Amino acid sequence: MSNDYETFIEKVKRKTAIDLALYKEAQMKRRLTSLYEKRGFTSFHTYYDAMTQDEHLFNEFLERMTINVSEFFRNASRWDVLEKKILPRLYRENNNLKVWSAACSTGEEPYTLSMILSQFMPLSKVSVLATDLDKEVLKRAALALYPERSIKEVPNFYLKNISIRIQWVIK
């Protein structure tokens, strides 16, 4: 690993908690080199320095490094386990739940979680914290506007006027 790239991934990890060293080095290096060269930079060092000064550049980097995949009831079998095995036990132990949806992208997962939790308790007793590194997807999530095709997997009984409140952390 080149010293320039190694220093870059260490700085990115400190700043974002994204560990680029976990990815295939050659592939990640090509992807990032293409990105910084497209913006006129000649090294990882100069690119990182510019990213720390330019929010747009930093957000572009995050968009390239993160995968914004989100859909309601994605991986239905996982939600089924949560609903049938995990949540009943948690609710018996504490009927005021606080849950965190990390890397929530455009918000379908925290909304799905809220819908499922509504079967166990009033949503006024639920606190859902939804976070993501990408501020733009969080802003879209907070709007809660989804095209009809996005809700195709949502069971009909959830679509009946459920009012969901989620705390969106947009910093």
N, C-alpha and C. Protein backbone atom coordinates (compact mmCIF):
# COMPACT_ATOMS: atom_id res chain seq x y z
N MET A 1 0.86 -1.17 0.00
CA MET A 1 0.00 0.00 0.00
C MET A 1 0.90 1.23 0.00
N SER A 2 0.63 2.14 -0.92
CA SER A 2 1.45 3.34 -0.98
C SER A 2 1.24 4.18 0.27
N ASN A 3 2.25 4.90 0.67
CA ASN A 3 2.18 5.74 1.86
C ASN A 3 1.09 6.81 1.72
N ASP A 4 0.97 7.39 0.52
CA ASP A 4 -0.04 8.42 0.27
C ASP A 4 -1.45 7.84 0.48
N TYR A 5 -1.70 6.68 -0.07
CA TYR A 5 -3.00 6.02 0.06
C TYR A 5 -3.24 5.57 1.51
N GLU A 6 -2.22 5.00 2.11
CA GLU A 6 -2.33 4.52 3.50
C GLU A 6 -2.67 5.68 4.45
N THR A 7 -2.00 6.79 4.29
CA THR A 7 -2.28 7.97 5.11
C THR A 7 -3.71 8.46 4.86
N PHE A 8 -4.12 8.45 3.59
CA PHE A 8 -5.47 8.87 3.23
C PHE A 8 -6.52 8.01 3.94
N ILE A 9 -6.38 6.70 3.87
CA ILE A 9 -7.41 5.84 4.48
C ILE A 9 -7.42 5.96 6.01
N GLU A 10 -6.26 6.22 6.59
CA GLU A 10 -6.21 6.44 8.05
C GLU A 10 -6.96 7.72 8.42
N LYS A 11 -6.74 8.78 7.65
CA LYS A 11 -7.42 10.05 7.92
C LYS A 11 -8.93 9.92 7.71
N VAL A 12 -9.33 9.22 6.65
CA VAL A 12 -10.75 9.02 6.37
C VAL A 12 -11.40 8.24 7.52
N LYS A 13 -10.69 7.24 8.01
CA LYS A 13 -11.25 6.44 9.11
C LYS A 13 -11.43 7.29 10.36
N ARG A 14 -10.45 8.14 10.67
CA ARG A 14 -10.58 9.02 11.84
C ARG A 14 -11.74 10.00 11.69
N LYS A 15 -11.93 10.50 10.48
CA LYS A 15 -12.95 11.51 10.24
C LYS A 15 -14.36 10.92 10.13
N THR A 16 -14.49 9.74 9.53
CA THR A 16 -15.82 9.21 9.20
C THR A 16 -16.15 7.87 9.83
N ALA A 17 -15.16 7.17 10.35
CA ALA A 17 -15.29 5.79 10.86
C ALA A 17 -15.48 4.79 9.72
N ILE A 18 -15.31 5.22 8.48
CA ILE A 18 -15.35 4.30 7.35
C ILE A 18 -13.93 3.77 7.16
N ASP A 19 -13.78 2.45 7.25
CA ASP A 19 -12.47 1.83 7.13
C ASP A 19 -12.27 1.31 5.71
N LEU A 20 -11.64 2.12 4.88
CA LEU A 20 -11.41 1.75 3.49
C LEU A 20 -10.42 0.60 3.36
N ALA A 21 -9.66 0.32 4.40
CA ALA A 21 -8.70 -0.79 4.37
C ALA A 21 -9.42 -2.14 4.32
N LEU A 22 -10.71 -2.16 4.63
CA LEU A 22 -11.47 -3.41 4.60
C LEU A 22 -11.85 -3.82 3.18
N TYR A 23 -11.67 -2.92 2.23
CA TYR A 23 -12.03 -3.19 0.84
C TYR A 23 -10.80 -3.61 0.05
N LYS A 24 -11.01 -4.25 -1.08
CA LYS A 24 -9.89 -4.65 -1.93
C LYS A 24 -9.12 -3.40 -2.33
N GLU A 25 -7.85 -3.40 -1.98
CA GLU A 25 -7.04 -2.20 -2.18
C GLU A 25 -7.00 -1.74 -3.63
N ALA A 26 -6.72 -2.64 -4.56
CA ALA A 26 -6.58 -2.22 -5.96
C ALA A 26 -7.88 -1.61 -6.47
N GLN A 27 -9.00 -2.22 -6.15
CA GLN A 27 -10.29 -1.72 -6.61
C GLN A 27 -10.61 -0.35 -5.99
N MET A 28 -10.38 -0.23 -4.69
CA MET A 28 -10.67 1.02 -3.99
C MET A 28 -9.75 2.13 -4.49
N LYS A 29 -8.49 1.81 -4.67
CA LYS A 29 -7.53 2.81 -5.16
C LYS A 29 -7.93 3.32 -6.54
N ARG A 30 -8.32 2.40 -7.43
CA ARG A 30 -8.76 2.80 -8.78
C ARG A 30 -9.97 3.72 -8.69
N ARG A 31 -10.92 3.35 -7.88
CA ARG A 31 -12.16 4.12 -7.73
C ARG A 31 -11.86 5.54 -7.22
N LEU A 32 -11.03 5.61 -6.19
CA LEU A 32 -10.71 6.91 -5.60
C LEU A 32 -9.79 7.74 -6.48
N THR A 33 -8.84 7.08 -7.14
CA THR A 33 -7.95 7.81 -8.04
C THR A 33 -8.76 8.43 -9.17
N SER A 34 -9.69 7.67 -9.71
CA SER A 34 -10.56 8.19 -10.76
C SER A 34 -11.34 9.40 -10.26
N LEU A 35 -11.84 9.33 -9.04
CA LEU A 35 -12.61 10.42 -8.46
C LEU A 35 -11.75 11.67 -8.27
N TYR A 36 -10.56 11.51 -7.67
CA TYR A 36 -9.76 12.71 -7.41
C TYR A 36 -9.17 13.29 -8.70
N GLU A 37 -8.82 12.42 -9.64
CA GLU A 37 -8.30 12.94 -10.92
C GLU A 37 -9.38 13.69 -11.69
N LYS A 38 -10.62 13.20 -11.61
CA LYS A 38 -11.75 13.87 -12.27
C LYS A 38 -11.91 15.30 -11.74
N ARG A 39 -11.52 15.50 -10.48
CA ARG A 39 -11.63 16.82 -9.85
C ARG A 39 -10.33 17.63 -9.96
N GLY A 40 -9.32 17.07 -10.65
CA GLY A 40 -8.10 17.82 -10.90
C GLY A 40 -7.01 17.67 -9.84
N PHE A 41 -7.13 16.72 -8.95
CA PHE A 41 -6.10 16.51 -7.92
C PHE A 41 -5.09 15.48 -8.40
N THR A 42 -3.89 15.54 -7.82
CA THR A 42 -2.81 14.67 -8.27
C THR A 42 -2.37 13.65 -7.24
N SER A 43 -2.96 13.72 -6.03
CA SER A 43 -2.57 12.76 -4.99
C SER A 43 -3.70 12.61 -3.97
N PHE A 44 -3.63 11.55 -3.22
CA PHE A 44 -4.60 11.36 -2.13
C PHE A 44 -4.45 12.46 -1.09
N HIS A 45 -3.22 12.88 -0.87
CA HIS A 45 -2.96 13.93 0.11
C HIS A 45 -3.67 15.23 -0.26
N THR A 46 -3.49 15.68 -1.50
CA THR A 46 -4.13 16.95 -1.91
C THR A 46 -5.65 16.80 -1.95
N TYR A 47 -6.11 15.63 -2.34
CA TYR A 47 -7.55 15.38 -2.39
C TYR A 47 -8.16 15.43 -0.99
N TYR A 48 -7.52 14.78 -0.02
CA TYR A 48 -8.04 14.79 1.35
C TYR A 48 -8.05 16.21 1.91
N ASP A 49 -6.98 16.95 1.71
CA ASP A 49 -6.93 18.33 2.20
C ASP A 49 -8.07 19.16 1.62
N ALA A 50 -8.33 18.98 0.33
CA ALA A 50 -9.42 19.72 -0.32
C ALA A 50 -10.78 19.28 0.24
N MET A 51 -10.93 17.99 0.48
CA MET A 51 -12.20 17.49 1.03
C MET A 51 -12.51 18.08 2.40
N THR A 52 -11.48 18.32 3.18
CA THR A 52 -11.72 18.87 4.52
C THR A 52 -12.11 20.35 4.45
N GLN A 53 -11.84 20.99 3.32
CA GLN A 53 -12.16 22.40 3.15
C GLN A 53 -13.44 22.63 2.34
N ASP A 54 -13.86 21.62 1.58
CA ASP A 54 -14.98 21.77 0.66
C ASP A 54 -16.04 20.71 0.95
N GLU A 55 -17.15 21.14 1.53
CA GLU A 55 -18.22 20.20 1.92
C GLU A 55 -18.79 19.45 0.72
N HIS A 56 -18.92 20.12 -0.41
CA HIS A 56 -19.45 19.46 -1.62
C HIS A 56 -18.53 18.32 -2.04
N LEU A 57 -17.23 18.56 -2.02
CA LEU A 57 -16.25 17.54 -2.38
C LEU A 57 -16.31 16.37 -1.41
N PHE A 58 -16.44 16.69 -0.12
CA PHE A 58 -16.53 15.64 0.89
C PHE A 58 -17.81 14.81 0.70
N ASN A 59 -18.92 15.47 0.43
CA ASN A 59 -20.19 14.75 0.21
C ASN A 59 -20.13 13.88 -1.04
N GLU A 60 -19.45 14.38 -2.07
CA GLU A 60 -19.27 13.58 -3.28
C GLU A 60 -18.48 12.31 -2.96
N PHE A 61 -17.44 12.46 -2.17
CA PHE A 61 -16.64 11.31 -1.74
C PHE A 61 -17.53 10.31 -0.97
N LEU A 62 -18.32 10.80 -0.02
CA LEU A 62 -19.19 9.92 0.76
C LEU A 62 -20.19 9.18 -0.11
N GLU A 63 -20.76 9.90 -1.07
CA GLU A 63 -21.71 9.26 -1.98
C GLU A 63 -21.05 8.14 -2.76
N ARG A 64 -19.80 8.33 -3.14
CA ARG A 64 -19.09 7.31 -3.90
C ARG A 64 -18.73 6.11 -3.02
N MET A 65 -18.49 6.37 -1.73
CA MET A 65 -18.06 5.30 -0.83
C MET A 65 -19.21 4.56 -0.14
N THR A 66 -20.36 5.18 -0.06
CA THR A 66 -21.47 4.55 0.65
C THR A 66 -22.50 4.04 -0.36
N ILE A 67 -23.24 3.04 0.07
CA ILE A 67 -24.26 2.45 -0.78
C ILE A 67 -25.61 2.83 -0.20
N ASN A 68 -26.35 3.65 -0.92
CA ASN A 68 -27.64 4.11 -0.43
C ASN A 68 -28.76 3.19 -0.93
N VAL A 69 -28.79 2.00 -0.38
CA VAL A 69 -29.82 1.04 -0.73
C VAL A 69 -30.77 0.94 0.44
N SER A 70 -32.03 1.19 0.16
CA SER A 70 -33.01 1.16 1.22
C SER A 70 -34.36 0.85 0.60
N GLU A 71 -35.13 0.00 1.26
CA GLU A 71 -36.49 -0.25 0.82
C GLU A 71 -37.31 -0.76 2.00
N PHE A 72 -38.59 -0.53 1.92
CA PHE A 72 -39.47 -0.99 2.99
C PHE A 72 -39.48 -2.51 3.04
N PHE A 73 -39.38 -3.05 4.23
CA PHE A 73 -39.44 -4.49 4.48
C PHE A 73 -38.41 -5.26 3.64
N ARG A 74 -37.25 -4.63 3.41
CA ARG A 74 -36.15 -5.29 2.70
C ARG A 74 -35.69 -6.49 3.52
N ASN A 75 -35.41 -7.60 2.87
CA ASN A 75 -35.04 -8.85 3.55
C ASN A 75 -36.14 -9.22 4.56
N ALA A 76 -37.32 -9.49 4.04
CA ALA A 76 -38.52 -9.72 4.86
C ALA A 76 -38.30 -10.75 5.96
N SER A 77 -37.52 -11.78 5.70
CA SER A 77 -37.32 -12.82 6.72
C SER A 77 -36.63 -12.25 7.97
N ARG A 78 -35.77 -11.26 7.80
CA ARG A 78 -35.10 -10.61 8.96
C ARG A 78 -36.11 -9.84 9.79
N TRP A 79 -37.01 -9.14 9.12
CA TRP A 79 -38.04 -8.39 9.84
C TRP A 79 -38.98 -9.34 10.57
N ASP A 80 -39.22 -10.49 9.95
CA ASP A 80 -40.09 -11.49 10.57
C ASP A 80 -39.48 -12.00 11.88
N VAL A 81 -38.19 -12.26 11.88
CA VAL A 81 -37.49 -12.69 13.10
C VAL A 81 -37.57 -11.59 14.16
N LEU A 82 -37.34 -10.38 13.75
CA LEU A 82 -37.42 -9.26 14.69
C LEU A 82 -38.82 -9.18 15.30
N GLU A 83 -39.84 -9.26 14.45
CA GLU A 83 -41.22 -9.12 14.92
C GLU A 83 -41.69 -10.29 15.78
N LYS A 84 -41.29 -11.48 15.43
CA LYS A 84 -41.84 -12.67 16.12
C LYS A 84 -40.98 -13.17 17.28
N LYS A 85 -39.68 -12.91 17.23
CA LYS A 85 -38.80 -13.47 18.26
C LYS A 85 -38.15 -12.42 19.16
N ILE A 86 -37.64 -11.37 18.57
CA ILE A 86 -36.85 -10.41 19.34
C ILE A 86 -37.72 -9.37 20.04
N LEU A 87 -38.59 -8.72 19.29
CA LEU A 87 -39.39 -7.64 19.88
C LEU A 87 -40.32 -8.09 21.01
N PRO A 88 -40.97 -9.25 20.91
CA PRO A 88 -41.83 -9.65 22.04
C PRO A 88 -41.05 -9.73 23.36
N ARG A 89 -39.84 -10.28 23.29
CA ARG A 89 -39.02 -10.37 24.49
C ARG A 89 -38.58 -8.99 24.98
N LEU A 90 -38.13 -8.16 24.07
CA LEU A 90 -37.71 -6.81 24.45
C LEU A 90 -38.88 -6.03 25.06
N TYR A 91 -40.05 -6.17 24.48
CA TYR A 91 -41.21 -5.43 24.97
C TYR A 91 -41.62 -5.91 26.37
N ARG A 92 -41.49 -7.19 26.62
CA ARG A 92 -41.80 -7.71 27.97
C ARG A 92 -40.85 -7.12 29.00
N GLU A 93 -39.59 -6.91 28.61
CA GLU A 93 -38.58 -6.40 29.53
C GLU A 93 -38.63 -4.88 29.69
N ASN A 94 -39.08 -4.17 28.64
CA ASN A 94 -39.10 -2.70 28.68
C ASN A 94 -40.11 -2.21 27.66
N ASN A 95 -41.19 -1.61 28.13
CA ASN A 95 -42.21 -1.17 27.18
C ASN A 95 -42.02 0.26 26.69
N ASN A 96 -40.86 0.85 26.92
CA ASN A 96 -40.47 2.13 26.32
C ASN A 96 -39.15 1.89 25.59
N LEU A 97 -39.25 1.59 24.32
CA LEU A 97 -38.04 1.24 23.57
C LEU A 97 -37.41 2.44 22.88
N LYS A 98 -36.08 2.42 22.87
CA LYS A 98 -35.30 3.37 22.09
C LYS A 98 -34.50 2.54 21.10
N VAL A 99 -34.67 2.85 19.82
CA VAL A 99 -33.98 2.09 18.79
C VAL A 99 -33.21 3.04 17.88
N TRP A 100 -32.15 2.51 17.31
CA TRP A 100 -31.28 3.29 16.45
C TRP A 100 -31.20 2.61 15.09
N SER A 101 -31.46 3.35 14.05
CA SER A 101 -31.31 2.85 12.69
C SER A 101 -30.09 3.55 12.09
N ALA A 102 -28.95 2.88 12.16
CA ALA A 102 -27.71 3.45 11.63
C ALA A 102 -27.63 3.20 10.13
N ALA A 103 -26.99 4.11 9.42
CA ALA A 103 -26.85 3.99 7.96
C ALA A 103 -28.21 3.80 7.32
N CYS A 104 -29.15 4.66 7.68
CA CYS A 104 -30.56 4.47 7.29
C CYS A 104 -30.88 4.92 5.87
N SER A 105 -29.95 5.56 5.20
CA SER A 105 -30.15 6.03 3.84
C SER A 105 -31.42 6.88 3.74
N THR A 106 -32.32 6.55 2.82
CA THR A 106 -33.51 7.39 2.60
C THR A 106 -34.66 7.06 3.53
N GLY A 107 -34.43 6.22 4.53
CA GLY A 107 -35.37 6.08 5.64
C GLY A 107 -36.34 4.93 5.63
N GLU A 108 -36.31 4.10 4.62
CA GLU A 108 -37.28 3.02 4.58
C GLU A 108 -37.15 2.06 5.77
N GLU A 109 -35.92 1.77 6.19
CA GLU A 109 -35.74 0.85 7.30
C GLU A 109 -36.28 1.39 8.63
N PRO A 110 -35.95 2.64 9.02
CA PRO A 110 -36.53 3.11 10.28
C PRO A 110 -38.06 3.23 10.23
N TYR A 111 -38.61 3.55 9.05
CA TYR A 111 -40.06 3.57 8.94
C TYR A 111 -40.64 2.16 9.07
N THR A 112 -39.96 1.18 8.46
CA THR A 112 -40.40 -0.21 8.60
C THR A 112 -40.35 -0.63 10.06
N LEU A 113 -39.27 -0.29 10.71
CA LEU A 113 -39.13 -0.62 12.13
C LEU A 113 -40.26 0.00 12.95
N SER A 114 -40.58 1.25 12.67
CA SER A 114 -41.67 1.91 13.38
C SER A 114 -43.01 1.24 13.13
N MET A 115 -43.24 0.82 11.89
CA MET A 115 -44.49 0.11 11.59
C MET A 115 -44.60 -1.17 12.40
N ILE A 116 -43.50 -1.93 12.45
CA ILE A 116 -43.51 -3.18 13.20
C ILE A 116 -43.69 -2.91 14.69
N LEU A 117 -42.97 -1.92 15.21
CA LEU A 117 -43.10 -1.58 16.63
C LEU A 117 -44.51 -1.16 16.99
N SER A 118 -45.22 -0.56 16.03
CA SER A 118 -46.60 -0.12 16.30
C SER A 118 -47.53 -1.28 16.64
N GLN A 119 -47.11 -2.49 16.32
CA GLN A 119 -47.91 -3.67 16.66
C GLN A 119 -47.75 -4.05 18.13
N PHE A 120 -46.72 -3.54 18.77
CA PHE A 120 -46.43 -3.89 20.16
C PHE A 120 -46.79 -2.80 21.15
N MET A 121 -46.75 -1.57 20.70
CA MET A 121 -46.94 -0.45 21.62
C MET A 121 -47.33 0.79 20.84
N PRO A 122 -47.92 1.77 21.53
CA PRO A 122 -48.19 3.04 20.84
C PRO A 122 -46.86 3.67 20.42
N LEU A 123 -46.85 4.23 19.24
CA LEU A 123 -45.60 4.84 18.76
C LEU A 123 -45.14 6.00 19.62
N SER A 124 -46.02 6.55 20.43
CA SER A 124 -45.61 7.61 21.35
C SER A 124 -44.65 7.08 22.41
N LYS A 125 -44.59 5.76 22.59
CA LYS A 125 -43.67 5.16 23.56
C LYS A 125 -42.39 4.65 22.91
N VAL A 126 -42.25 4.94 21.63
CA VAL A 126 -41.09 4.47 20.88
C VAL A 126 -40.23 5.66 20.49
N SER A 127 -38.93 5.52 20.65
CA SER A 127 -37.99 6.54 20.19
C SER A 127 -37.10 5.90 19.13
N VAL A 128 -37.19 6.41 17.90
CA VAL A 128 -36.36 5.90 16.81
C VAL A 128 -35.37 7.00 16.42
N LEU A 129 -34.11 6.69 16.51
CA LEU A 129 -33.05 7.59 16.08
C LEU A 129 -32.53 7.06 14.74
N ALA A 130 -32.55 7.88 13.71
CA ALA A 130 -32.11 7.46 12.38
C ALA A 130 -30.93 8.32 11.95
N THR A 131 -29.83 7.68 11.61
CA THR A 131 -28.62 8.40 11.23
C THR A 131 -28.03 7.86 9.93
N ASP A 132 -27.26 8.70 9.27
CA ASP A 132 -26.53 8.31 8.08
C ASP A 132 -25.42 9.34 7.88
N LEU A 133 -24.33 8.94 7.28
CA LEU A 133 -23.24 9.88 6.99
C LEU A 133 -23.62 10.88 5.90
N ASP A 134 -24.53 10.48 5.03
CA ASP A 134 -24.91 11.29 3.89
C ASP A 134 -26.08 12.21 4.25
N LYS A 135 -25.78 13.49 4.38
CA LYS A 135 -26.80 14.47 4.78
C LYS A 135 -27.94 14.58 3.78
N GLU A 136 -27.63 14.44 2.52
CA GLU A 136 -28.66 14.61 1.48
C GLU A 136 -29.71 13.50 1.55
N VAL A 137 -29.28 12.25 1.76
CA VAL A 137 -30.28 11.18 1.86
C VAL A 137 -31.11 11.32 3.13
N LEU A 138 -30.50 11.84 4.20
CA LEU A 138 -31.26 12.07 5.43
C LEU A 138 -32.33 13.13 5.24
N LYS A 139 -32.01 14.16 4.47
CA LYS A 139 -33.01 15.19 4.20
C LYS A 139 -34.18 14.59 3.43
N ARG A 140 -33.88 13.73 2.47
CA ARG A 140 -34.95 13.06 1.72
C ARG A 140 -35.74 12.14 2.63
N ALA A 141 -35.06 11.45 3.53
CA ALA A 141 -35.75 10.55 4.46
C ALA A 141 -36.71 11.31 5.36
N ALA A 142 -36.28 12.45 5.85
CA ALA A 142 -37.11 13.25 6.75
C ALA A 142 -38.39 13.74 6.07
N LEU A 143 -38.36 13.91 4.75
CA LEU A 143 -39.55 14.32 4.01
C LEU A 143 -40.59 13.20 3.95
N ALA A 144 -40.13 11.96 3.98
CA ALA A 144 -41.02 10.78 3.95
C ALA A 144 -41.93 10.78 2.73
N LEU A 145 -41.39 11.16 1.61
CA LEU A 145 -42.15 11.11 0.36
C LEU A 145 -41.57 9.99 -0.50
N TYR A 146 -42.38 8.98 -0.77
CA TYR A 146 -41.91 7.81 -1.50
C TYR A 146 -42.84 7.53 -2.67
N PRO A 147 -42.29 7.14 -3.81
CA PRO A 147 -43.16 6.78 -4.93
C PRO A 147 -43.93 5.49 -4.62
N GLU A 148 -45.01 5.29 -5.32
CA GLU A 148 -45.86 4.13 -5.07
C GLU A 148 -45.09 2.82 -5.17
N ARG A 149 -44.16 2.73 -6.11
CA ARG A 149 -43.39 1.49 -6.27
C ARG A 149 -42.57 1.16 -5.02
N SER A 150 -42.23 2.17 -4.23
CA SER A 150 -41.44 1.94 -3.01
C SER A 150 -42.22 1.21 -1.93
N ILE A 151 -43.53 1.34 -1.96
CA ILE A 151 -44.32 0.74 -0.87
C ILE A 151 -44.95 -0.59 -1.27
N LYS A 152 -44.51 -1.16 -2.40
CA LYS A 152 -45.12 -2.40 -2.88
C LYS A 152 -44.99 -3.56 -1.89
N GLU A 153 -43.96 -3.57 -1.06
CA GLU A 153 -43.76 -4.66 -0.09
C GLU A 153 -44.37 -4.36 1.27
N VAL A 154 -44.94 -3.18 1.45
CA VAL A 154 -45.53 -2.82 2.74
C VAL A 154 -46.91 -3.49 2.85
N PRO A 155 -47.11 -4.30 3.89
CA PRO A 155 -48.43 -4.93 4.07
C PRO A 155 -49.53 -3.87 4.19
N ASN A 156 -50.68 -4.17 3.62
CA ASN A 156 -51.79 -3.21 3.58
C ASN A 156 -52.17 -2.66 4.94
N PHE A 157 -52.15 -3.50 5.97
CA PHE A 157 -52.60 -3.00 7.27
C PHE A 157 -51.68 -1.92 7.83
N TYR A 158 -50.45 -1.83 7.35
CA TYR A 158 -49.55 -0.76 7.79
C TYR A 158 -49.82 0.54 7.04
N LEU A 159 -50.39 0.45 5.87
CA LEU A 159 -50.61 1.64 5.05
C LEU A 159 -51.79 2.49 5.52
N LYS A 160 -52.53 1.99 6.47
CA LYS A 160 -53.72 2.70 6.95
C LYS A 160 -53.34 3.75 7.98
N ASN A 161 -53.04 4.94 7.52
CA ASN A 161 -52.90 6.12 8.38
C ASN A 161 -52.06 5.93 9.64
N ILE A 162 -50.88 5.38 9.50
CA ILE A 162 -49.97 5.31 10.63
C ILE A 162 -49.15 6.59 10.66
N SER A 163 -49.19 7.24 11.79
CA SER A 163 -48.41 8.46 11.96
C SER A 163 -47.10 8.07 12.65
N ILE A 164 -45.99 8.29 11.99
CA ILE A 164 -44.70 7.86 12.50
C ILE A 164 -43.82 9.07 12.74
N ARG A 165 -43.23 9.11 13.94
CA ARG A 165 -42.29 10.17 14.27
C ARG A 165 -40.91 9.57 14.46
N ILE A 166 -39.95 10.09 13.74
CA ILE A 166 -38.57 9.62 13.84
C ILE A 166 -37.69 10.84 14.04
N GLN A 167 -36.72 10.72 14.90
CA GLN A 167 -35.75 11.80 15.08
C GLN A 167 -34.65 11.61 14.06
N TRP A 168 -34.57 12.54 13.12
CA TRP A 168 -33.55 12.47 12.07
C TRP A 168 -32.37 13.33 12.50
N VAL A 169 -31.19 12.74 12.49
CA VAL A 169 -29.99 13.46 12.88
C VAL A 169 -29.27 13.94 11.63
N ILE A 170 -29.46 15.21 11.32
CA ILE A 170 -28.81 15.81 10.15
C ILE A 170 -27.87 16.90 10.66
N LYS A 171 -26.59 16.61 10.61
CA LYS A 171 -25.59 17.55 11.13
C LYS A 171 -24.79 18.15 10.01
